[in-house]
Each structure stands twice: as C-alpha cells, then as structure tokens.
Amino acid sequence: MKNLSVLTLTVALAVPAVASAGGLTAAAQVQLIPVGTLAFEGGGIDTSESTDLAYGIGAQVDYWVNEQISVGFAPRFVLNLRPDSETESATQLDLAVRAQYNHPVNDQVKAFGFLAPGYSILSLPEEAGDLSPKGLIIGLGAGVRYGVNDKLFVQGEAGYTLGFQGGTEQGVDYTFKSNLLHLGVGLGAAF
C-alpha cells in the first residue's frame, strides 16, 4: 500500500498543468524593467529619456477558450519609473486584457505569445505639478510555462509595452508616453 501511495504521488507530480476549455488559471508575477523610455511633448517641450531600472508586480487571470487560446485580465503596478538623470520616480498602473496563444512543446512545457491592450495611469512626482497622464497601452511578448504538477506552474516571459498616455493641463494638451521592456517570472495555478 505504501508503494502505491509513493507511485500515486510521483505520477501526480509528473503530470503537467493542463488547462482545458472552460478552465481558469491565475498567476502572480514579478518583473524587472531594465530598458524603457519616457517621452514628453507639450507646451513647447519635446523630450525623450531612457529609464533607470524599474520593477513591477503583476497578476494574470485567464479563461481558456480551448487548449491553445486563453483570454483574461492582467493588471500590473510599476515602481521606480524614472529617467536615468532624475532621482524622483513615478508609478504606473496598467489595466490590460490579455489574449494568449499557447503551444505545447512537450507534456510539461508550453510556449506562449500574448497581446495585451489596456489603459494606463501614471502618478508623477510632486515636481511635475498637477500632470496626471493616462491613456491607452498595448503590450506584446512571449514566454514559457512549465507545469510542476496538474495544478501548479511557473512561467517566465519577456514583453514590451507601448504607452500612449497624455492629458490636458491649463488648456494645453500634452503626451507623456512610457515604453517599457519587461522580464518577468511568476507562479500560478489551474482551477
């Protein structure tokens, strides 16, 4: 009987995380954002600067349409967002929907590509005054998901988000775009 329990546990750990049609998965992710640009245009000013190292915390909840296609919600909060030349940093909240194509490599590994359009809200440091840029974003990327067992998985991804944020201040329209490359690792579960 003990051998049967050990065999059952071994088989359970070897089965990949498989989401079937109608299933849900959820994941939490940490991201490093090593490369990016912040661009401002308005009021006679037109500037663009590279960003310092930033980081993000994200989540992902997906509904599996079938074994290859999933759609879901992928919010992210970015911290330490600042040009290389500045000491004060901004934060950015991204509220994106995510469509993902998943391709099985073997029983435990899936490669995926995603497209993530959404809405972004930047919170700038006090020295920026009342500027409160917000607007559309579009993210895209690819990664790999490894099934630890039938419920748990780990994943890694690389992605790029193009920002189209802006606003109006004292009757003057401006744009304040953030374009960010991220490298993320996460842990998730199938339900």
N, C-alpha and C. Protein backbone atom coordinates (compact mmCIF):
# COMPACT_ATOMS: atom_id res chain seq x y z
N MET A 1 0.82 -1.20 0.00
CA MET A 1 0.00 0.00 0.00
C MET A 1 0.86 1.26 0.00
N LYS A 2 1.96 1.24 0.77
CA LYS A 2 2.84 2.39 0.82
C LYS A 2 3.45 2.65 -0.55
N ASN A 3 3.82 1.58 -1.29
CA ASN A 3 4.38 1.75 -2.63
C ASN A 3 3.38 2.38 -3.58
N LEU A 4 2.10 2.03 -3.42
CA LEU A 4 1.06 2.60 -4.27
C LEU A 4 0.93 4.11 -4.00
N SER A 5 1.03 4.53 -2.74
CA SER A 5 0.96 5.95 -2.39
C SER A 5 2.14 6.71 -2.98
N VAL A 6 3.32 6.14 -2.91
CA VAL A 6 4.51 6.78 -3.48
C VAL A 6 4.37 6.88 -4.99
N LEU A 7 3.86 5.84 -5.64
CA LEU A 7 3.65 5.85 -7.08
C LEU A 7 2.61 6.90 -7.47
N THR A 8 1.53 7.00 -6.71
CA THR A 8 0.49 7.99 -6.99
C THR A 8 1.05 9.41 -6.86
N LEU A 9 1.83 9.66 -5.82
CA LEU A 9 2.44 10.98 -5.62
C LEU A 9 3.40 11.29 -6.77
N THR A 10 4.20 10.31 -7.18
CA THR A 10 5.14 10.51 -8.28
C THR A 10 4.42 10.85 -9.58
N VAL A 11 3.35 10.14 -9.88
CA VAL A 11 2.58 10.40 -11.09
C VAL A 11 1.93 11.78 -11.01
N ALA A 12 1.39 12.15 -9.86
CA ALA A 12 0.73 13.45 -9.70
C ALA A 12 1.72 14.59 -9.93
N LEU A 13 2.97 14.44 -9.48
CA LEU A 13 3.96 15.49 -9.66
C LEU A 13 4.48 15.56 -11.09
N ALA A 14 4.36 14.47 -11.84
CA ALA A 14 4.86 14.44 -13.22
C ALA A 14 3.83 14.94 -14.22
N VAL A 15 2.57 15.04 -13.83
CA VAL A 15 1.52 15.49 -14.75
C VAL A 15 1.60 16.99 -14.90
N PRO A 16 1.60 17.51 -16.12
CA PRO A 16 1.74 18.95 -16.31
C PRO A 16 0.47 19.70 -15.95
N ALA A 17 0.63 20.99 -15.73
CA ALA A 17 -0.53 21.85 -15.51
C ALA A 17 -1.24 22.01 -16.85
N VAL A 18 -2.40 21.43 -16.98
CA VAL A 18 -3.15 21.48 -18.23
C VAL A 18 -4.45 22.21 -17.97
N ALA A 19 -4.67 23.26 -18.70
CA ALA A 19 -5.94 23.98 -18.61
C ALA A 19 -6.78 23.54 -19.79
N SER A 20 -7.97 23.11 -19.51
CA SER A 20 -8.85 22.67 -20.59
C SER A 20 -9.84 23.78 -20.90
N ALA A 21 -10.57 23.59 -22.00
CA ALA A 21 -11.56 24.58 -22.41
C ALA A 21 -12.51 24.83 -21.25
N GLY A 22 -12.75 26.10 -20.97
CA GLY A 22 -13.63 26.47 -19.87
C GLY A 22 -12.94 26.57 -18.54
N GLY A 23 -11.65 26.21 -18.46
CA GLY A 23 -10.91 26.27 -17.22
C GLY A 23 -10.34 27.65 -16.94
N LEU A 24 -9.91 27.85 -15.73
CA LEU A 24 -9.30 29.11 -15.30
C LEU A 24 -7.89 28.86 -14.79
N THR A 25 -7.00 29.82 -15.04
CA THR A 25 -5.70 29.83 -14.40
C THR A 25 -5.47 31.23 -13.83
N ALA A 26 -4.66 31.29 -12.79
CA ALA A 26 -4.29 32.58 -12.19
C ALA A 26 -2.82 32.53 -11.84
N ALA A 27 -2.13 33.65 -12.00
CA ALA A 27 -0.71 33.71 -11.70
C ALA A 27 -0.35 35.07 -11.12
N ALA A 28 0.69 35.08 -10.30
CA ALA A 28 1.29 36.31 -9.80
C ALA A 28 2.68 36.39 -10.41
N GLN A 29 3.13 37.61 -10.68
CA GLN A 29 4.39 37.77 -11.39
C GLN A 29 5.17 38.95 -10.85
N VAL A 30 6.49 38.81 -10.79
CA VAL A 30 7.38 39.94 -10.51
C VAL A 30 8.14 40.23 -11.80
N GLN A 31 8.41 41.51 -12.04
CA GLN A 31 9.04 41.91 -13.29
C GLN A 31 10.20 42.87 -13.03
N LEU A 32 11.26 42.68 -13.80
CA LEU A 32 12.32 43.67 -13.89
C LEU A 32 12.10 44.41 -15.19
N ILE A 33 12.28 45.72 -15.17
CA ILE A 33 12.09 46.55 -16.35
C ILE A 33 13.43 47.26 -16.58
N PRO A 34 14.37 46.57 -17.29
CA PRO A 34 15.72 47.10 -17.44
C PRO A 34 15.85 48.19 -18.50
N VAL A 35 14.91 48.23 -19.45
CA VAL A 35 15.02 49.15 -20.58
C VAL A 35 13.68 49.83 -20.81
N GLY A 36 13.72 51.13 -21.05
CA GLY A 36 12.49 51.84 -21.36
C GLY A 36 12.79 53.28 -21.73
N THR A 37 11.74 53.97 -22.17
CA THR A 37 11.86 55.40 -22.44
C THR A 37 10.63 56.11 -21.89
N LEU A 38 10.84 57.33 -21.47
CA LEU A 38 9.76 58.23 -21.09
C LEU A 38 9.85 59.43 -22.02
N ALA A 39 8.76 59.74 -22.69
CA ALA A 39 8.76 60.85 -23.65
C ALA A 39 7.66 61.85 -23.28
N PHE A 40 8.00 63.13 -23.32
CA PHE A 40 7.05 64.19 -23.02
C PHE A 40 7.02 65.16 -24.19
N GLU A 41 5.81 65.56 -24.58
CA GLU A 41 5.66 66.59 -25.62
C GLU A 41 4.47 67.46 -25.25
N GLY A 42 4.70 68.77 -25.21
CA GLY A 42 3.63 69.71 -24.91
C GLY A 42 4.18 71.01 -24.39
N GLY A 43 3.45 72.10 -24.63
CA GLY A 43 3.87 73.41 -24.15
C GLY A 43 5.22 73.84 -24.67
N GLY A 44 5.57 73.44 -25.89
CA GLY A 44 6.85 73.82 -26.47
C GLY A 44 8.01 72.94 -26.06
N ILE A 45 7.75 71.91 -25.29
CA ILE A 45 8.80 70.99 -24.84
C ILE A 45 8.62 69.66 -25.58
N ASP A 46 9.71 69.09 -26.04
CA ASP A 46 9.71 67.78 -26.69
C ASP A 46 10.96 67.05 -26.26
N THR A 47 10.82 66.07 -25.36
CA THR A 47 11.97 65.37 -24.82
C THR A 47 11.69 63.89 -24.66
N SER A 48 12.74 63.10 -24.72
CA SER A 48 12.64 61.66 -24.52
C SER A 48 13.91 61.20 -23.81
N GLU A 49 13.74 60.40 -22.75
CA GLU A 49 14.89 59.93 -21.98
C GLU A 49 14.75 58.44 -21.68
N SER A 50 15.91 57.78 -21.59
CA SER A 50 15.94 56.37 -21.17
C SER A 50 15.61 56.27 -19.69
N THR A 51 15.03 55.16 -19.30
CA THR A 51 14.67 54.97 -17.89
C THR A 51 15.75 54.20 -17.15
N ASP A 52 15.78 54.41 -15.86
CA ASP A 52 16.61 53.63 -14.96
C ASP A 52 15.90 52.29 -14.72
N LEU A 53 16.54 51.38 -14.02
CA LEU A 53 15.93 50.08 -13.71
C LEU A 53 14.66 50.28 -12.89
N ALA A 54 13.57 49.76 -13.39
CA ALA A 54 12.29 49.79 -12.67
C ALA A 54 11.86 48.35 -12.42
N TYR A 55 10.81 48.18 -11.66
CA TYR A 55 10.30 46.84 -11.39
C TYR A 55 8.78 46.90 -11.27
N GLY A 56 8.17 45.74 -11.47
CA GLY A 56 6.72 45.68 -11.44
C GLY A 56 6.21 44.45 -10.72
N ILE A 57 4.95 44.54 -10.32
CA ILE A 57 4.23 43.43 -9.71
C ILE A 57 2.96 43.26 -10.53
N GLY A 58 2.71 42.05 -10.98
CA GLY A 58 1.55 41.83 -11.83
C GLY A 58 0.76 40.60 -11.45
N ALA A 59 -0.41 40.51 -12.02
CA ALA A 59 -1.28 39.35 -11.84
C ALA A 59 -1.86 39.00 -13.20
N GLN A 60 -2.35 37.80 -13.30
CA GLN A 60 -2.95 37.35 -14.56
C GLN A 60 -4.01 36.31 -14.23
N VAL A 61 -5.23 36.55 -14.70
CA VAL A 61 -6.32 35.58 -14.56
C VAL A 61 -6.82 35.29 -15.97
N ASP A 62 -6.77 34.02 -16.35
CA ASP A 62 -7.11 33.63 -17.72
C ASP A 62 -8.24 32.62 -17.77
N TYR A 63 -9.11 32.81 -18.75
CA TYR A 63 -10.15 31.84 -19.10
C TYR A 63 -9.68 31.15 -20.38
N TRP A 64 -9.69 29.82 -20.37
CA TRP A 64 -9.19 29.04 -21.50
C TRP A 64 -10.34 28.74 -22.45
N VAL A 65 -10.29 29.38 -23.62
CA VAL A 65 -11.30 29.16 -24.66
C VAL A 65 -11.17 27.74 -25.20
N ASN A 66 -9.93 27.32 -25.42
CA ASN A 66 -9.59 25.93 -25.77
C ASN A 66 -8.17 25.69 -25.26
N GLU A 67 -7.53 24.59 -25.64
CA GLU A 67 -6.21 24.28 -25.08
C GLU A 67 -5.10 25.18 -25.61
N GLN A 68 -5.36 25.95 -26.68
CA GLN A 68 -4.34 26.84 -27.21
C GLN A 68 -4.61 28.33 -26.93
N ILE A 69 -5.85 28.72 -26.78
CA ILE A 69 -6.21 30.13 -26.65
C ILE A 69 -6.75 30.43 -25.25
N SER A 70 -6.19 31.46 -24.63
CA SER A 70 -6.72 31.94 -23.35
C SER A 70 -6.88 33.45 -23.43
N VAL A 71 -7.86 33.96 -22.72
CA VAL A 71 -8.09 35.41 -22.62
C VAL A 71 -8.29 35.75 -21.15
N GLY A 72 -7.87 36.95 -20.78
CA GLY A 72 -8.01 37.28 -19.36
C GLY A 72 -7.66 38.71 -19.04
N PHE A 73 -7.47 38.96 -17.77
CA PHE A 73 -7.19 40.27 -17.20
C PHE A 73 -5.79 40.22 -16.61
N ALA A 74 -4.96 41.24 -16.92
CA ALA A 74 -3.56 41.25 -16.47
C ALA A 74 -3.17 42.64 -15.96
N PRO A 75 -3.52 42.98 -14.72
CA PRO A 75 -3.09 44.27 -14.16
C PRO A 75 -1.61 44.22 -13.75
N ARG A 76 -0.99 45.40 -13.74
CA ARG A 76 0.43 45.49 -13.34
C ARG A 76 0.65 46.84 -12.68
N PHE A 77 1.51 46.86 -11.65
CA PHE A 77 1.88 48.08 -10.96
C PHE A 77 3.40 48.23 -11.09
N VAL A 78 3.86 49.33 -11.71
CA VAL A 78 5.28 49.58 -11.95
C VAL A 78 5.78 50.61 -10.94
N LEU A 79 6.92 50.32 -10.33
CA LEU A 79 7.55 51.20 -9.33
C LEU A 79 8.92 51.65 -9.83
N ASN A 80 9.40 52.75 -9.27
CA ASN A 80 10.72 53.29 -9.58
C ASN A 80 10.87 53.66 -11.06
N LEU A 81 9.81 54.17 -11.64
CA LEU A 81 9.82 54.58 -13.04
C LEU A 81 10.34 56.01 -13.14
N ARG A 82 11.57 56.14 -13.66
CA ARG A 82 12.19 57.46 -13.74
C ARG A 82 13.26 57.50 -14.80
N PRO A 83 13.49 58.69 -15.36
CA PRO A 83 14.60 58.83 -16.31
C PRO A 83 15.94 58.61 -15.58
N ASP A 84 16.95 58.20 -16.34
CA ASP A 84 18.29 57.98 -15.77
C ASP A 84 18.81 59.21 -15.03
N SER A 85 18.46 60.41 -15.52
CA SER A 85 19.02 61.64 -14.97
C SER A 85 18.27 62.18 -13.75
N GLU A 86 17.18 61.54 -13.34
CA GLU A 86 16.35 62.05 -12.24
C GLU A 86 16.48 61.18 -10.99
N THR A 87 16.13 61.76 -9.84
CA THR A 87 16.14 61.00 -8.59
C THR A 87 14.72 60.66 -8.14
N GLU A 88 13.75 61.48 -8.52
CA GLU A 88 12.36 61.23 -8.15
C GLU A 88 11.73 60.27 -9.15
N SER A 89 10.88 59.37 -8.66
CA SER A 89 10.30 58.37 -9.55
C SER A 89 8.78 58.47 -9.59
N ALA A 90 8.24 57.90 -10.66
CA ALA A 90 6.79 57.82 -10.86
C ALA A 90 6.36 56.38 -10.65
N THR A 91 5.06 56.17 -10.60
CA THR A 91 4.49 54.83 -10.61
C THR A 91 3.51 54.76 -11.78
N GLN A 92 3.24 53.54 -12.22
CA GLN A 92 2.33 53.35 -13.34
C GLN A 92 1.44 52.15 -13.05
N LEU A 93 0.14 52.33 -13.20
CA LEU A 93 -0.83 51.25 -13.06
C LEU A 93 -1.35 50.92 -14.44
N ASP A 94 -1.16 49.66 -14.85
CA ASP A 94 -1.65 49.18 -16.14
C ASP A 94 -2.81 48.22 -15.90
N LEU A 95 -3.91 48.45 -16.58
CA LEU A 95 -5.09 47.59 -16.52
C LEU A 95 -5.32 47.05 -17.93
N ALA A 96 -4.83 45.84 -18.17
CA ALA A 96 -4.85 45.29 -19.52
C ALA A 96 -5.66 44.01 -19.61
N VAL A 97 -6.24 43.79 -20.77
CA VAL A 97 -6.80 42.48 -21.10
C VAL A 97 -5.70 41.76 -21.89
N ARG A 98 -5.70 40.45 -21.82
CA ARG A 98 -4.60 39.70 -22.42
C ARG A 98 -5.13 38.52 -23.21
N ALA A 99 -4.78 38.45 -24.49
CA ALA A 99 -5.10 37.30 -25.33
C ALA A 99 -3.78 36.56 -25.55
N GLN A 100 -3.83 35.25 -25.32
CA GLN A 100 -2.59 34.47 -25.34
C GLN A 100 -2.77 33.20 -26.17
N TYR A 101 -1.78 32.93 -27.03
CA TYR A 101 -1.73 31.68 -27.78
C TYR A 101 -0.71 30.78 -27.09
N ASN A 102 -1.10 29.56 -26.76
CA ASN A 102 -0.26 28.62 -26.03
C ASN A 102 0.04 27.41 -26.91
N HIS A 103 1.32 27.10 -27.07
CA HIS A 103 1.73 25.98 -27.92
C HIS A 103 2.49 24.95 -27.07
N PRO A 104 1.96 23.71 -26.97
CA PRO A 104 2.67 22.70 -26.18
C PRO A 104 4.00 22.30 -26.84
N VAL A 105 5.08 22.35 -26.06
CA VAL A 105 6.40 21.90 -26.51
C VAL A 105 6.56 20.43 -26.18
N ASN A 106 6.17 20.04 -24.97
CA ASN A 106 6.13 18.64 -24.54
C ASN A 106 5.06 18.54 -23.45
N ASP A 107 5.05 17.45 -22.70
CA ASP A 107 3.99 17.25 -21.71
C ASP A 107 3.97 18.29 -20.60
N GLN A 108 5.12 18.88 -20.30
CA GLN A 108 5.17 19.83 -19.19
C GLN A 108 5.41 21.28 -19.60
N VAL A 109 5.83 21.51 -20.81
CA VAL A 109 6.24 22.85 -21.23
C VAL A 109 5.32 23.38 -22.32
N LYS A 110 4.89 24.63 -22.14
CA LYS A 110 4.12 25.35 -23.16
C LYS A 110 4.84 26.65 -23.46
N ALA A 111 5.00 26.94 -24.74
CA ALA A 111 5.48 28.25 -25.16
C ALA A 111 4.25 29.10 -25.44
N PHE A 112 4.34 30.40 -25.21
CA PHE A 112 3.18 31.25 -25.46
C PHE A 112 3.60 32.60 -26.00
N GLY A 113 2.67 33.21 -26.71
CA GLY A 113 2.81 34.59 -27.16
C GLY A 113 1.55 35.33 -26.76
N PHE A 114 1.67 36.63 -26.46
CA PHE A 114 0.49 37.35 -25.99
C PHE A 114 0.41 38.75 -26.58
N LEU A 115 -0.80 39.27 -26.60
CA LEU A 115 -1.12 40.65 -26.95
C LEU A 115 -1.98 41.19 -25.82
N ALA A 116 -1.63 42.38 -25.30
CA ALA A 116 -2.30 42.89 -24.11
C ALA A 116 -2.62 44.38 -24.23
N PRO A 117 -3.74 44.73 -24.85
CA PRO A 117 -4.15 46.13 -24.88
C PRO A 117 -4.79 46.53 -23.55
N GLY A 118 -4.71 47.81 -23.21
CA GLY A 118 -5.32 48.23 -21.95
C GLY A 118 -5.27 49.73 -21.74
N TYR A 119 -5.39 50.11 -20.47
CA TYR A 119 -5.43 51.51 -20.05
C TYR A 119 -4.39 51.69 -18.95
N SER A 120 -3.69 52.82 -18.97
CA SER A 120 -2.60 53.06 -18.04
C SER A 120 -2.78 54.41 -17.35
N ILE A 121 -2.41 54.46 -16.08
CA ILE A 121 -2.48 55.68 -15.28
C ILE A 121 -1.10 55.90 -14.65
N LEU A 122 -0.50 57.04 -14.94
CA LEU A 122 0.80 57.38 -14.36
C LEU A 122 0.61 58.34 -13.19
N SER A 123 1.36 58.12 -12.14
CA SER A 123 1.38 59.02 -11.00
C SER A 123 2.79 59.60 -10.92
N LEU A 124 2.92 60.89 -11.28
CA LEU A 124 4.22 61.53 -11.37
C LEU A 124 4.64 62.14 -10.03
N PRO A 125 5.95 62.38 -9.85
CA PRO A 125 6.41 63.02 -8.61
C PRO A 125 5.84 64.43 -8.47
N GLU A 126 5.88 64.97 -7.26
CA GLU A 126 5.32 66.29 -6.96
C GLU A 126 5.89 67.39 -7.84
N GLU A 127 7.16 67.28 -8.21
CA GLU A 127 7.80 68.33 -9.02
C GLU A 127 7.16 68.47 -10.41
N ALA A 128 6.37 67.47 -10.85
CA ALA A 128 5.68 67.55 -12.14
C ALA A 128 4.39 68.35 -12.04
N GLY A 129 4.06 68.82 -10.85
CA GLY A 129 2.84 69.61 -10.67
C GLY A 129 1.59 68.74 -10.73
N ASP A 130 0.58 69.24 -11.41
CA ASP A 130 -0.70 68.54 -11.47
C ASP A 130 -0.83 67.60 -12.66
N LEU A 131 0.26 67.35 -13.37
CA LEU A 131 0.18 66.45 -14.52
C LEU A 131 -0.26 65.06 -14.06
N SER A 132 -1.21 64.52 -14.75
CA SER A 132 -1.76 63.21 -14.41
C SER A 132 -2.04 62.42 -15.70
N PRO A 133 -0.96 61.99 -16.39
CA PRO A 133 -1.15 61.33 -17.68
C PRO A 133 -1.82 59.97 -17.56
N LYS A 134 -2.67 59.70 -18.52
CA LYS A 134 -3.33 58.41 -18.60
C LYS A 134 -3.67 58.16 -20.05
N GLY A 135 -3.89 56.91 -20.39
CA GLY A 135 -4.24 56.61 -21.77
C GLY A 135 -4.02 55.15 -22.13
N LEU A 136 -4.10 54.89 -23.39
CA LEU A 136 -4.02 53.52 -23.89
C LEU A 136 -2.60 52.99 -23.87
N ILE A 137 -2.51 51.66 -23.71
CA ILE A 137 -1.25 50.94 -23.84
C ILE A 137 -1.50 49.70 -24.68
N ILE A 138 -0.44 49.19 -25.25
CA ILE A 138 -0.52 47.89 -25.92
C ILE A 138 0.77 47.14 -25.60
N GLY A 139 0.60 45.94 -25.07
CA GLY A 139 1.74 45.10 -24.73
C GLY A 139 1.77 43.87 -25.62
N LEU A 140 2.96 43.36 -25.83
CA LEU A 140 3.13 42.11 -26.56
C LEU A 140 4.36 41.42 -26.03
N GLY A 141 4.39 40.10 -26.20
CA GLY A 141 5.54 39.36 -25.69
C GLY A 141 5.39 37.88 -25.88
N ALA A 142 6.33 37.14 -25.30
CA ALA A 142 6.37 35.69 -25.41
C ALA A 142 7.00 35.12 -24.15
N GLY A 143 6.76 33.84 -23.92
CA GLY A 143 7.33 33.21 -22.75
C GLY A 143 7.16 31.71 -22.76
N VAL A 144 7.49 31.11 -21.62
CA VAL A 144 7.42 29.66 -21.44
C VAL A 144 6.77 29.37 -20.10
N ARG A 145 5.89 28.39 -20.10
CA ARG A 145 5.21 27.94 -18.88
C ARG A 145 5.59 26.48 -18.63
N TYR A 146 6.01 26.18 -17.39
CA TYR A 146 6.40 24.81 -17.02
C TYR A 146 5.44 24.29 -15.97
N GLY A 147 4.79 23.16 -16.27
CA GLY A 147 3.85 22.54 -15.34
C GLY A 147 4.58 21.75 -14.27
N VAL A 148 4.50 22.19 -13.03
CA VAL A 148 5.13 21.49 -11.92
C VAL A 148 4.34 20.24 -11.57
N ASN A 149 3.00 20.36 -11.57
CA ASN A 149 2.10 19.22 -11.39
C ASN A 149 0.80 19.55 -12.10
N ASP A 150 -0.28 18.84 -11.78
CA ASP A 150 -1.53 19.06 -12.51
C ASP A 150 -2.21 20.39 -12.16
N LYS A 151 -1.76 21.07 -11.14
CA LYS A 151 -2.36 22.36 -10.76
C LYS A 151 -1.38 23.53 -10.82
N LEU A 152 -0.14 23.33 -10.44
CA LEU A 152 0.82 24.43 -10.30
C LEU A 152 1.71 24.57 -11.53
N PHE A 153 2.09 25.82 -11.84
CA PHE A 153 3.04 26.07 -12.92
C PHE A 153 3.90 27.28 -12.58
N VAL A 154 5.06 27.32 -13.19
CA VAL A 154 5.92 28.51 -13.14
C VAL A 154 6.05 29.00 -14.57
N GLN A 155 6.24 30.31 -14.72
CA GLN A 155 6.39 30.84 -16.07
C GLN A 155 7.39 31.97 -16.09
N GLY A 156 7.98 32.16 -17.25
CA GLY A 156 8.87 33.28 -17.49
C GLY A 156 8.48 33.91 -18.81
N GLU A 157 8.64 35.23 -18.90
CA GLU A 157 8.25 35.91 -20.13
C GLU A 157 9.09 37.16 -20.34
N ALA A 158 9.12 37.60 -21.59
CA ALA A 158 9.70 38.89 -21.96
C ALA A 158 8.62 39.62 -22.75
N GLY A 159 8.45 40.90 -22.48
CA GLY A 159 7.42 41.65 -23.17
C GLY A 159 7.77 43.12 -23.30
N TYR A 160 7.05 43.79 -24.17
CA TYR A 160 7.26 45.22 -24.40
C TYR A 160 5.90 45.91 -24.39
N THR A 161 5.80 47.01 -23.68
CA THR A 161 4.56 47.78 -23.59
C THR A 161 4.77 49.17 -24.18
N LEU A 162 3.94 49.51 -25.15
CA LEU A 162 3.96 50.84 -25.75
C LEU A 162 2.86 51.68 -25.10
N GLY A 163 3.22 52.85 -24.60
CA GLY A 163 2.25 53.72 -23.94
C GLY A 163 1.85 54.89 -24.80
N PHE A 164 0.58 55.25 -24.72
CA PHE A 164 0.03 56.40 -25.44
C PHE A 164 -0.71 57.29 -24.45
N GLN A 165 -0.04 57.61 -23.34
CA GLN A 165 -0.65 58.39 -22.28
C GLN A 165 -0.55 59.88 -22.58
N GLY A 166 -1.38 60.65 -21.91
CA GLY A 166 -1.34 62.10 -22.07
C GLY A 166 -2.42 62.75 -21.23
N GLY A 167 -2.68 64.02 -21.51
CA GLY A 167 -3.69 64.74 -20.77
C GLY A 167 -3.75 66.19 -21.20
N THR A 168 -4.45 66.98 -20.41
CA THR A 168 -4.57 68.42 -20.64
C THR A 168 -4.31 69.13 -19.32
N GLU A 169 -3.44 70.12 -19.35
CA GLU A 169 -3.13 70.90 -18.16
C GLU A 169 -3.22 72.37 -18.51
N GLN A 170 -4.09 73.11 -17.82
CA GLN A 170 -4.31 74.54 -18.06
C GLN A 170 -4.58 74.83 -19.54
N GLY A 171 -5.41 73.98 -20.14
CA GLY A 171 -5.81 74.15 -21.53
C GLY A 171 -4.80 73.72 -22.57
N VAL A 172 -3.66 73.16 -22.14
CA VAL A 172 -2.61 72.72 -23.06
C VAL A 172 -2.59 71.19 -23.09
N ASP A 173 -2.74 70.61 -24.28
CA ASP A 173 -2.64 69.17 -24.43
C ASP A 173 -1.18 68.74 -24.38
N TYR A 174 -0.93 67.59 -23.77
CA TYR A 174 0.42 67.03 -23.71
C TYR A 174 0.36 65.51 -23.83
N THR A 175 1.48 64.92 -24.22
CA THR A 175 1.63 63.47 -24.19
C THR A 175 2.78 63.15 -23.24
N PHE A 176 2.65 62.06 -22.54
CA PHE A 176 3.69 61.57 -21.65
C PHE A 176 3.70 60.06 -21.82
N LYS A 177 4.51 59.58 -22.73
CA LYS A 177 4.49 58.17 -23.11
C LYS A 177 5.53 57.37 -22.34
N SER A 178 5.15 56.17 -21.92
CA SER A 178 6.11 55.24 -21.33
C SER A 178 6.16 54.00 -22.20
N ASN A 179 7.35 53.66 -22.66
CA ASN A 179 7.59 52.45 -23.45
C ASN A 179 8.57 51.60 -22.66
N LEU A 180 8.13 50.38 -22.27
CA LEU A 180 8.89 49.60 -21.30
C LEU A 180 9.08 48.15 -21.73
N LEU A 181 10.31 47.64 -21.59
CA LEU A 181 10.63 46.23 -21.79
C LEU A 181 10.66 45.56 -20.43
N HIS A 182 9.95 44.43 -20.29
CA HIS A 182 9.99 43.73 -19.00
C HIS A 182 10.42 42.28 -19.16
N LEU A 183 11.04 41.77 -18.09
CA LEU A 183 11.38 40.36 -17.95
C LEU A 183 10.69 39.90 -16.67
N GLY A 184 9.80 38.91 -16.79
CA GLY A 184 9.00 38.51 -15.64
C GLY A 184 9.09 37.04 -15.33
N VAL A 185 8.95 36.70 -14.06
CA VAL A 185 8.82 35.31 -13.61
C VAL A 185 7.59 35.25 -12.70
N GLY A 186 6.88 34.14 -12.78
CA GLY A 186 5.67 34.04 -11.99
C GLY A 186 5.36 32.62 -11.58
N LEU A 187 4.41 32.52 -10.68
CA LEU A 187 3.90 31.25 -10.17
C LEU A 187 2.39 31.29 -10.29
N GLY A 188 1.81 30.19 -10.75
CA GLY A 188 0.37 30.20 -10.94
C GLY A 188 -0.26 28.83 -10.68
N ALA A 189 -1.57 28.80 -10.82
CA ALA A 189 -2.32 27.57 -10.58
C ALA A 189 -3.50 27.47 -11.55
N ALA A 190 -3.86 26.24 -11.88
CA ALA A 190 -5.05 25.97 -12.69
C ALA A 190 -6.18 25.61 -11.76
N PHE A 191 -7.42 26.02 -12.11
CA PHE A 191 -8.58 25.74 -11.29
C PHE A 191 -9.57 24.88 -12.04
